[in-house]
Amino acid sequence: MSINGWLQEFRALHKRARQKQLNEEEKLLYLQAREQFARALTAAQGMTLKPGEMARQTFRVAQAMQLELSLNTGIVRAMTLDVSKGGFSVMLGKPPGEAEVVGFTLRMPDGMDPIIGRAKVVASKKQIGNYRLSFSFHGMSEYDQERLESVLFDAALSRIPG
C-alpha cells in the first residue's frame, strides 16, 4: 500500500476513533497505526527512541495552545510552542524556581474541557529577553493523556495534505 493510501486509511480510522465508533478489533488496529504514525513523526523530527520507549509518548507537535500557569509569583498566561504527551514548551520572561512544581490549565480546541494539572520545568534556555522553558506533566490522568494525544494527532494530520 502506498503512503498516501495508508494515510487516508489512518485518517478515517482516527476520525472514527474520535467518534467512538471502533469495535475491539479496529481499536487494536488503530493503536498500532497510531504508533506507526508517531514513529514516522519522531523520525522526521530527528528524535531517537530509548529502548522500550513508545513513539506516541515522545513525538511533539508545534502547536499554539492557550495556557495558564500558576507560579509562586502569580498567574501567567502564555501560548505553547510545542506540545507532547509528556509536556509542553513556552516562552516566559522569567523562569519559575528550579524545584517549583507549577499548576497549569491547558485550553483544548473545539470547546473541550481544559486539562488542569501540575508540571515541572525540565529545561530552560535563556534567549534574548526571554526563556524557552520545557515542562513535563506530573500525575496527568490517563483520560487527559488520551484526550491530549488525540488532539496532537489531529494537529499532526491537519498539516499533511490529503
N, C-alpha and C. Protein backbone atom coordinates (compact mmCIF):
# COMPACT_ATOMS: atom_id res chain seq x y z
N MET A 1 0.85 -1.17 0.00
CA MET A 1 0.00 0.00 0.00
C MET A 1 0.90 1.24 0.00
N SER A 2 0.50 2.24 -0.75
CA SER A 2 1.27 3.49 -0.81
C SER A 2 1.11 4.25 0.50
N ILE A 3 2.05 5.18 0.74
CA ILE A 3 1.97 6.01 1.94
C ILE A 3 0.69 6.84 1.95
N ASN A 4 0.29 7.34 0.77
CA ASN A 4 -0.95 8.13 0.69
C ASN A 4 -2.16 7.28 1.03
N GLY A 5 -2.18 6.05 0.54
CA GLY A 5 -3.29 5.14 0.84
C GLY A 5 -3.35 4.82 2.33
N TRP A 6 -2.17 4.54 2.92
CA TRP A 6 -2.12 4.24 4.35
C TRP A 6 -2.59 5.45 5.15
N LEU A 7 -2.15 6.63 4.75
CA LEU A 7 -2.52 7.85 5.46
C LEU A 7 -4.02 8.10 5.40
N GLN A 8 -4.62 7.85 4.25
CA GLN A 8 -6.08 8.02 4.12
C GLN A 8 -6.82 7.05 5.05
N GLU A 9 -6.33 5.81 5.09
CA GLU A 9 -6.96 4.82 5.98
C GLU A 9 -6.80 5.24 7.45
N PHE A 10 -5.61 5.74 7.78
CA PHE A 10 -5.37 6.17 9.15
C PHE A 10 -6.27 7.36 9.51
N ARG A 11 -6.40 8.31 8.60
CA ARG A 11 -7.29 9.46 8.85
C ARG A 11 -8.71 8.99 9.15
N ALA A 12 -9.20 8.07 8.33
CA ALA A 12 -10.57 7.56 8.52
C ALA A 12 -10.70 6.83 9.86
N LEU A 13 -9.70 6.03 10.20
CA LEU A 13 -9.71 5.29 11.46
C LEU A 13 -9.65 6.27 12.64
N HIS A 14 -8.81 7.29 12.51
CA HIS A 14 -8.69 8.29 13.57
C HIS A 14 -10.02 9.03 13.77
N LYS A 15 -10.64 9.39 12.69
CA LYS A 15 -11.94 10.09 12.78
C LYS A 15 -12.97 9.22 13.48
N ARG A 16 -13.03 7.95 13.11
CA ARG A 16 -13.99 7.03 13.74
C ARG A 16 -13.64 6.81 15.22
N ALA A 17 -12.34 6.79 15.53
CA ALA A 17 -11.93 6.63 16.93
C ALA A 17 -12.37 7.84 17.74
N ARG A 18 -12.22 9.04 17.18
CA ARG A 18 -12.65 10.26 17.87
C ARG A 18 -14.16 10.24 18.14
N GLN A 19 -14.91 9.58 17.25
CA GLN A 19 -16.36 9.49 17.40
C GLN A 19 -16.78 8.25 18.19
N LYS A 20 -15.77 7.51 18.70
CA LYS A 20 -16.00 6.30 19.49
C LYS A 20 -16.83 5.27 18.72
N GLN A 21 -16.44 5.05 17.45
CA GLN A 21 -17.17 4.13 16.58
C GLN A 21 -16.35 2.89 16.21
N LEU A 22 -15.31 2.57 16.96
CA LEU A 22 -14.47 1.42 16.63
C LEU A 22 -14.86 0.21 17.46
N ASN A 23 -14.88 -0.96 16.81
CA ASN A 23 -15.06 -2.20 17.58
C ASN A 23 -13.70 -2.59 18.16
N GLU A 24 -13.64 -3.65 18.93
CA GLU A 24 -12.40 -4.04 19.62
C GLU A 24 -11.26 -4.33 18.65
N GLU A 25 -11.54 -5.01 17.56
CA GLU A 25 -10.51 -5.33 16.57
C GLU A 25 -9.97 -4.04 15.92
N GLU A 26 -10.88 -3.13 15.59
CA GLU A 26 -10.47 -1.86 14.98
C GLU A 26 -9.68 -1.00 15.96
N LYS A 27 -10.02 -1.07 17.25
CA LYS A 27 -9.27 -0.32 18.26
C LYS A 27 -7.81 -0.77 18.29
N LEU A 28 -7.61 -2.08 18.22
CA LEU A 28 -6.25 -2.62 18.22
C LEU A 28 -5.49 -2.14 16.98
N LEU A 29 -6.14 -2.20 15.82
CA LEU A 29 -5.51 -1.72 14.58
C LEU A 29 -5.19 -0.23 14.68
N TYR A 30 -6.11 0.52 15.26
CA TYR A 30 -5.91 1.96 15.41
C TYR A 30 -4.71 2.26 16.30
N LEU A 31 -4.59 1.57 17.42
CA LEU A 31 -3.46 1.80 18.32
C LEU A 31 -2.14 1.47 17.63
N GLN A 32 -2.12 0.41 16.84
CA GLN A 32 -0.91 0.05 16.09
C GLN A 32 -0.60 1.12 15.04
N ALA A 33 -1.62 1.60 14.36
CA ALA A 33 -1.42 2.63 13.33
C ALA A 33 -0.96 3.95 13.96
N ARG A 34 -1.50 4.27 15.13
CA ARG A 34 -1.07 5.49 15.83
C ARG A 34 0.41 5.41 16.17
N GLU A 35 0.85 4.26 16.61
CA GLU A 35 2.27 4.10 16.95
C GLU A 35 3.14 4.22 15.70
N GLN A 36 2.69 3.63 14.58
CA GLN A 36 3.44 3.75 13.32
C GLN A 36 3.55 5.21 12.89
N PHE A 37 2.43 5.92 12.95
CA PHE A 37 2.42 7.33 12.56
C PHE A 37 3.34 8.14 13.48
N ALA A 38 3.27 7.87 14.78
CA ALA A 38 4.11 8.58 15.74
C ALA A 38 5.59 8.28 15.49
N ARG A 39 5.92 7.04 15.12
CA ARG A 39 7.31 6.69 14.81
C ARG A 39 7.81 7.50 13.61
N ALA A 40 6.96 7.63 12.60
CA ALA A 40 7.33 8.42 11.43
C ALA A 40 7.55 9.88 11.81
N LEU A 41 6.68 10.44 12.65
CA LEU A 41 6.84 11.82 13.10
C LEU A 41 8.11 11.99 13.93
N THR A 42 8.36 11.04 14.81
CA THR A 42 9.55 11.10 15.65
C THR A 42 10.81 11.07 14.80
N ALA A 43 10.83 10.19 13.81
CA ALA A 43 11.99 10.11 12.91
C ALA A 43 12.15 11.40 12.12
N ALA A 44 11.04 11.96 11.64
CA ALA A 44 11.09 13.20 10.87
C ALA A 44 11.60 14.37 11.73
N GLN A 45 11.37 14.29 13.04
CA GLN A 45 11.83 15.33 13.95
C GLN A 45 13.28 15.11 14.39
N GLY A 46 13.89 14.04 13.89
CA GLY A 46 15.28 13.75 14.22
C GLY A 46 15.47 13.26 15.64
N MET A 47 14.42 12.71 16.21
CA MET A 47 14.49 12.22 17.59
C MET A 47 14.72 10.71 17.57
N THR A 48 15.39 10.22 18.58
CA THR A 48 15.59 8.78 18.70
C THR A 48 14.88 8.30 19.95
N LEU A 49 14.39 7.09 19.87
CA LEU A 49 13.68 6.49 21.00
C LEU A 49 14.64 5.67 21.85
N LYS A 50 14.43 5.71 23.13
CA LYS A 50 15.19 4.85 24.04
C LYS A 50 14.61 3.44 23.94
N PRO A 51 15.38 2.42 24.26
CA PRO A 51 14.84 1.06 24.22
C PRO A 51 13.56 0.93 25.04
N GLY A 52 12.53 0.38 24.43
CA GLY A 52 11.25 0.19 25.11
C GLY A 52 10.34 1.40 25.11
N GLU A 53 10.82 2.53 24.62
CA GLU A 53 10.03 3.75 24.60
C GLU A 53 9.08 3.74 23.40
N MET A 54 7.87 4.22 23.61
CA MET A 54 6.90 4.29 22.53
C MET A 54 6.93 5.68 21.91
N ALA A 55 6.85 5.71 20.59
CA ALA A 55 6.89 6.98 19.87
C ALA A 55 5.70 7.87 20.24
N ARG A 56 4.56 7.27 20.53
CA ARG A 56 3.37 8.06 20.87
C ARG A 56 3.61 8.92 22.10
N GLN A 57 4.54 8.52 22.96
CA GLN A 57 4.82 9.29 24.17
C GLN A 57 5.90 10.33 23.94
N THR A 58 6.53 10.30 22.77
CA THR A 58 7.70 11.13 22.53
C THR A 58 7.48 12.25 21.52
N PHE A 59 6.74 11.98 20.44
CA PHE A 59 6.66 12.97 19.36
C PHE A 59 6.02 14.27 19.85
N ARG A 60 6.48 15.36 19.25
CA ARG A 60 5.98 16.70 19.59
C ARG A 60 5.27 17.28 18.39
N VAL A 61 4.35 18.17 18.69
CA VAL A 61 3.67 18.91 17.63
C VAL A 61 3.83 20.39 17.95
N ALA A 62 4.34 21.15 16.98
CA ALA A 62 4.41 22.60 17.15
C ALA A 62 2.97 23.09 17.12
N GLN A 63 2.47 23.46 18.27
CA GLN A 63 1.05 23.79 18.39
C GLN A 63 0.87 24.89 19.42
N ALA A 64 0.27 25.99 19.02
CA ALA A 64 -0.04 27.08 19.94
C ALA A 64 -1.36 26.75 20.64
N MET A 65 -1.28 26.58 21.93
CA MET A 65 -2.46 26.34 22.74
C MET A 65 -2.40 27.31 23.92
N GLN A 66 -3.55 27.87 24.27
CA GLN A 66 -3.58 28.79 25.40
C GLN A 66 -3.29 28.04 26.69
N LEU A 67 -2.49 28.68 27.52
CA LEU A 67 -2.03 28.04 28.75
C LEU A 67 -2.02 29.07 29.87
N GLU A 68 -2.43 28.66 31.01
CA GLU A 68 -2.35 29.50 32.20
C GLU A 68 -1.50 28.75 33.21
N LEU A 69 -0.43 29.39 33.67
CA LEU A 69 0.47 28.79 34.65
C LEU A 69 0.27 29.46 36.00
N SER A 70 0.16 28.66 37.04
CA SER A 70 0.06 29.18 38.41
C SER A 70 1.43 29.04 39.06
N LEU A 71 2.16 30.13 39.06
CA LEU A 71 3.51 30.16 39.62
C LEU A 71 3.46 30.72 41.04
N ASN A 72 4.53 30.52 41.79
CA ASN A 72 4.62 31.12 43.14
C ASN A 72 4.50 32.63 43.07
N THR A 73 4.90 33.22 41.94
CA THR A 73 4.86 34.68 41.78
C THR A 73 3.53 35.18 41.22
N GLY A 74 2.62 34.27 40.86
CA GLY A 74 1.32 34.67 40.34
C GLY A 74 0.93 33.89 39.09
N ILE A 75 -0.18 34.29 38.51
CA ILE A 75 -0.72 33.65 37.31
C ILE A 75 -0.06 34.25 36.08
N VAL A 76 0.36 33.39 35.16
CA VAL A 76 0.95 33.84 33.90
C VAL A 76 0.20 33.16 32.76
N ARG A 77 -0.19 33.96 31.77
CA ARG A 77 -0.83 33.40 30.58
C ARG A 77 0.21 33.34 29.47
N ALA A 78 0.17 32.26 28.72
CA ALA A 78 1.14 32.08 27.64
C ALA A 78 0.51 31.20 26.56
N MET A 79 1.26 31.04 25.49
CA MET A 79 0.89 30.12 24.40
C MET A 79 1.98 29.07 24.32
N THR A 80 1.58 27.83 24.15
CA THR A 80 2.59 26.78 23.99
C THR A 80 3.30 26.96 22.66
N LEU A 81 4.55 26.54 22.62
CA LEU A 81 5.32 26.49 21.38
C LEU A 81 5.18 25.12 20.75
N ASP A 82 5.28 24.11 21.60
CA ASP A 82 5.05 22.74 21.16
C ASP A 82 4.47 21.95 22.33
N VAL A 83 3.84 20.85 21.98
CA VAL A 83 3.17 20.03 22.99
C VAL A 83 3.45 18.57 22.66
N SER A 84 3.62 17.77 23.68
CA SER A 84 3.73 16.32 23.53
C SER A 84 2.87 15.69 24.61
N LYS A 85 2.76 14.39 24.57
CA LYS A 85 2.00 13.69 25.60
C LYS A 85 2.68 13.85 26.97
N GLY A 86 3.98 14.14 26.94
CA GLY A 86 4.73 14.25 28.18
C GLY A 86 4.90 15.65 28.73
N GLY A 87 4.59 16.69 27.90
CA GLY A 87 4.78 18.04 28.40
C GLY A 87 4.63 19.09 27.32
N PHE A 88 5.16 20.29 27.57
CA PHE A 88 5.00 21.41 26.65
C PHE A 88 6.16 22.38 26.82
N SER A 89 6.33 23.26 25.83
CA SER A 89 7.32 24.33 25.89
C SER A 89 6.62 25.67 25.73
N VAL A 90 7.14 26.68 26.43
CA VAL A 90 6.62 28.04 26.36
C VAL A 90 7.77 29.03 26.45
N MET A 91 7.48 30.27 26.09
CA MET A 91 8.42 31.38 26.30
C MET A 91 7.88 32.21 27.46
N LEU A 92 8.74 32.46 28.44
CA LEU A 92 8.37 33.31 29.57
C LEU A 92 9.48 34.30 29.83
N GLY A 93 9.14 35.43 30.42
CA GLY A 93 10.12 36.44 30.74
C GLY A 93 11.06 36.01 31.85
N LYS A 94 10.58 35.14 32.72
CA LYS A 94 11.36 34.70 33.87
C LYS A 94 10.96 33.26 34.21
N PRO A 95 11.94 32.39 34.44
CA PRO A 95 11.58 31.01 34.78
C PRO A 95 11.13 30.89 36.23
N PRO A 96 10.30 29.89 36.53
CA PRO A 96 9.97 29.63 37.94
C PRO A 96 11.20 29.06 38.65
N GLY A 97 11.11 28.93 39.95
CA GLY A 97 12.20 28.35 40.71
C GLY A 97 12.49 26.92 40.26
N GLU A 98 13.73 26.47 40.45
CA GLU A 98 14.16 25.15 39.97
C GLU A 98 13.29 24.01 40.47
N ALA A 99 12.94 24.02 41.73
CA ALA A 99 12.18 22.92 42.30
C ALA A 99 10.67 23.16 42.27
N GLU A 100 10.26 24.29 41.74
CA GLU A 100 8.84 24.66 41.76
C GLU A 100 8.01 23.77 40.83
N VAL A 101 6.99 23.16 41.37
CA VAL A 101 6.01 22.44 40.57
C VAL A 101 4.85 23.41 40.39
N VAL A 102 4.52 23.69 39.13
CA VAL A 102 3.51 24.70 38.84
C VAL A 102 2.18 24.06 38.48
N GLY A 103 1.12 24.78 38.75
CA GLY A 103 -0.19 24.37 38.28
C GLY A 103 -0.38 24.90 36.86
N PHE A 104 -1.17 24.22 36.08
CA PHE A 104 -1.44 24.71 34.73
C PHE A 104 -2.87 24.40 34.33
N THR A 105 -3.38 25.21 33.43
CA THR A 105 -4.65 24.96 32.75
C THR A 105 -4.37 25.08 31.27
N LEU A 106 -4.53 24.00 30.55
CA LEU A 106 -4.28 23.96 29.11
C LEU A 106 -5.62 23.95 28.40
N ARG A 107 -5.88 25.01 27.65
CA ARG A 107 -7.15 25.10 26.92
C ARG A 107 -7.11 24.16 25.72
N MET A 108 -8.19 23.43 25.56
CA MET A 108 -8.29 22.45 24.47
C MET A 108 -9.16 23.04 23.35
N PRO A 109 -8.96 22.55 22.14
CA PRO A 109 -9.73 23.08 21.00
C PRO A 109 -11.19 22.63 21.02
N ASP A 110 -11.97 23.28 20.20
CA ASP A 110 -13.37 22.90 19.95
C ASP A 110 -14.24 22.84 21.20
N GLY A 111 -13.93 23.69 22.17
CA GLY A 111 -14.77 23.76 23.36
C GLY A 111 -14.64 22.59 24.31
N MET A 112 -13.62 21.74 24.09
CA MET A 112 -13.39 20.63 25.01
C MET A 112 -13.00 21.17 26.38
N ASP A 113 -13.28 20.40 27.42
CA ASP A 113 -12.87 20.80 28.76
C ASP A 113 -11.35 20.95 28.79
N PRO A 114 -10.84 21.96 29.51
CA PRO A 114 -9.39 22.13 29.59
C PRO A 114 -8.75 21.01 30.41
N ILE A 115 -7.46 20.87 30.23
CA ILE A 115 -6.69 19.93 31.05
C ILE A 115 -6.07 20.76 32.16
N ILE A 116 -6.31 20.33 33.39
CA ILE A 116 -5.80 21.03 34.56
C ILE A 116 -4.87 20.06 35.28
N GLY A 117 -3.69 20.55 35.62
CA GLY A 117 -2.75 19.65 36.28
C GLY A 117 -1.55 20.37 36.83
N ARG A 118 -0.47 19.59 36.98
CA ARG A 118 0.78 20.10 37.53
C ARG A 118 1.91 19.75 36.57
N ALA A 119 2.93 20.61 36.56
CA ALA A 119 4.08 20.39 35.68
C ALA A 119 5.33 20.95 36.34
N LYS A 120 6.46 20.48 35.85
CA LYS A 120 7.75 20.92 36.39
C LYS A 120 8.69 21.25 35.24
N VAL A 121 9.51 22.29 35.41
CA VAL A 121 10.49 22.67 34.40
C VAL A 121 11.54 21.56 34.30
N VAL A 122 11.78 21.11 33.06
CA VAL A 122 12.82 20.12 32.82
C VAL A 122 13.96 20.69 31.99
N ALA A 123 13.73 21.85 31.36
CA ALA A 123 14.80 22.51 30.59
C ALA A 123 14.50 24.00 30.52
N SER A 124 15.55 24.78 30.56
CA SER A 124 15.43 26.23 30.48
C SER A 124 16.57 26.75 29.61
N LYS A 125 16.22 27.56 28.62
CA LYS A 125 17.23 28.12 27.73
C LYS A 125 17.01 29.63 27.64
N LYS A 126 18.02 30.38 28.08
CA LYS A 126 17.94 31.85 28.01
C LYS A 126 18.04 32.28 26.56
N GLN A 127 17.11 33.15 26.17
CA GLN A 127 17.14 33.74 24.84
C GLN A 127 17.04 35.24 25.02
N ILE A 128 17.11 35.98 23.96
CA ILE A 128 17.09 37.44 24.08
C ILE A 128 15.78 37.89 24.72
N GLY A 129 15.86 38.37 25.95
CA GLY A 129 14.71 38.91 26.65
C GLY A 129 13.74 37.89 27.23
N ASN A 130 13.94 36.62 26.98
CA ASN A 130 13.01 35.58 27.44
C ASN A 130 13.75 34.29 27.77
N TYR A 131 12.97 33.35 28.26
CA TYR A 131 13.46 31.99 28.48
C TYR A 131 12.52 31.03 27.75
N ARG A 132 13.12 30.09 27.05
CA ARG A 132 12.32 29.00 26.49
C ARG A 132 12.35 27.90 27.54
N LEU A 133 11.17 27.56 28.04
CA LEU A 133 11.05 26.59 29.12
C LEU A 133 10.30 25.35 28.64
N SER A 134 10.83 24.21 29.00
CA SER A 134 10.15 22.94 28.72
C SER A 134 9.67 22.37 30.04
N PHE A 135 8.41 22.00 30.08
CA PHE A 135 7.78 21.45 31.28
C PHE A 135 7.38 20.00 31.03
N SER A 136 7.46 19.18 32.05
CA SER A 136 6.91 17.82 31.96
C SER A 136 5.67 17.76 32.84
N PHE A 137 4.68 17.02 32.37
CA PHE A 137 3.44 16.84 33.14
C PHE A 137 3.72 15.93 34.32
N HIS A 138 3.02 16.18 35.43
CA HIS A 138 3.15 15.32 36.61
C HIS A 138 1.77 14.86 37.05
N GLY A 139 1.58 13.55 37.03
CA GLY A 139 0.34 12.97 37.54
C GLY A 139 -0.88 13.18 36.67
N MET A 140 -0.69 13.36 35.36
CA MET A 140 -1.85 13.55 34.48
C MET A 140 -2.62 12.23 34.37
N SER A 141 -3.93 12.31 34.45
CA SER A 141 -4.77 11.11 34.36
C SER A 141 -4.68 10.48 32.97
N GLU A 142 -4.95 9.20 32.90
CA GLU A 142 -4.96 8.51 31.60
C GLU A 142 -6.01 9.13 30.68
N TYR A 143 -7.13 9.52 31.25
CA TYR A 143 -8.19 10.15 30.46
C TYR A 143 -7.69 11.43 29.79
N ASP A 144 -7.02 12.29 30.56
CA ASP A 144 -6.49 13.53 29.99
C ASP A 144 -5.34 13.26 29.01
N GLN A 145 -4.52 12.26 29.30
CA GLN A 145 -3.45 11.89 28.37
C GLN A 145 -4.03 11.46 27.03
N GLU A 146 -5.09 10.69 27.06
CA GLU A 146 -5.73 10.22 25.83
C GLU A 146 -6.35 11.39 25.07
N ARG A 147 -7.01 12.30 25.79
CA ARG A 147 -7.60 13.48 25.13
C ARG A 147 -6.52 14.32 24.46
N LEU A 148 -5.42 14.55 25.17
CA LEU A 148 -4.32 15.35 24.62
C LEU A 148 -3.70 14.65 23.42
N GLU A 149 -3.46 13.36 23.54
CA GLU A 149 -2.85 12.61 22.44
C GLU A 149 -3.73 12.68 21.19
N SER A 150 -5.01 12.59 21.36
CA SER A 150 -5.93 12.66 20.22
C SER A 150 -5.84 14.03 19.55
N VAL A 151 -5.76 15.10 20.35
CA VAL A 151 -5.62 16.46 19.80
C VAL A 151 -4.30 16.59 19.06
N LEU A 152 -3.24 15.98 19.59
CA LEU A 152 -1.93 16.05 18.93
C LEU A 152 -1.96 15.34 17.58
N PHE A 153 -2.64 14.21 17.51
CA PHE A 153 -2.77 13.52 16.22
C PHE A 153 -3.62 14.35 15.26
N ASP A 154 -4.67 14.98 15.76
CA ASP A 154 -5.47 15.89 14.92
C ASP A 154 -4.57 16.96 14.31
N ALA A 155 -3.75 17.59 15.16
CA ALA A 155 -2.88 18.68 14.71
C ALA A 155 -1.86 18.19 13.69
N ALA A 156 -1.25 17.04 13.96
CA ALA A 156 -0.25 16.50 13.02
C ALA A 156 -0.91 16.15 11.68
N LEU A 157 -2.06 15.52 11.72
CA LEU A 157 -2.75 15.14 10.48
C LEU A 157 -3.20 16.38 9.70
N SER A 158 -3.55 17.44 10.39
CA SER A 158 -4.03 18.64 9.71
C SER A 158 -2.93 19.31 8.88
N ARG A 159 -1.69 19.01 9.19
CA ARG A 159 -0.57 19.61 8.47
C ARG A 159 -0.12 18.81 7.26
N ILE A 160 -0.71 17.64 7.08
CA ILE A 160 -0.33 16.78 5.96
C ILE A 160 -1.44 16.87 4.92
N PRO A 161 -1.13 17.34 3.72
CA PRO A 161 -2.16 17.47 2.68
C PRO A 161 -2.82 16.12 2.36
N GLY A 162 -4.08 16.20 2.01
CA GLY A 162 -4.76 14.97 1.57
C GLY A 162 -5.99 14.78 2.30
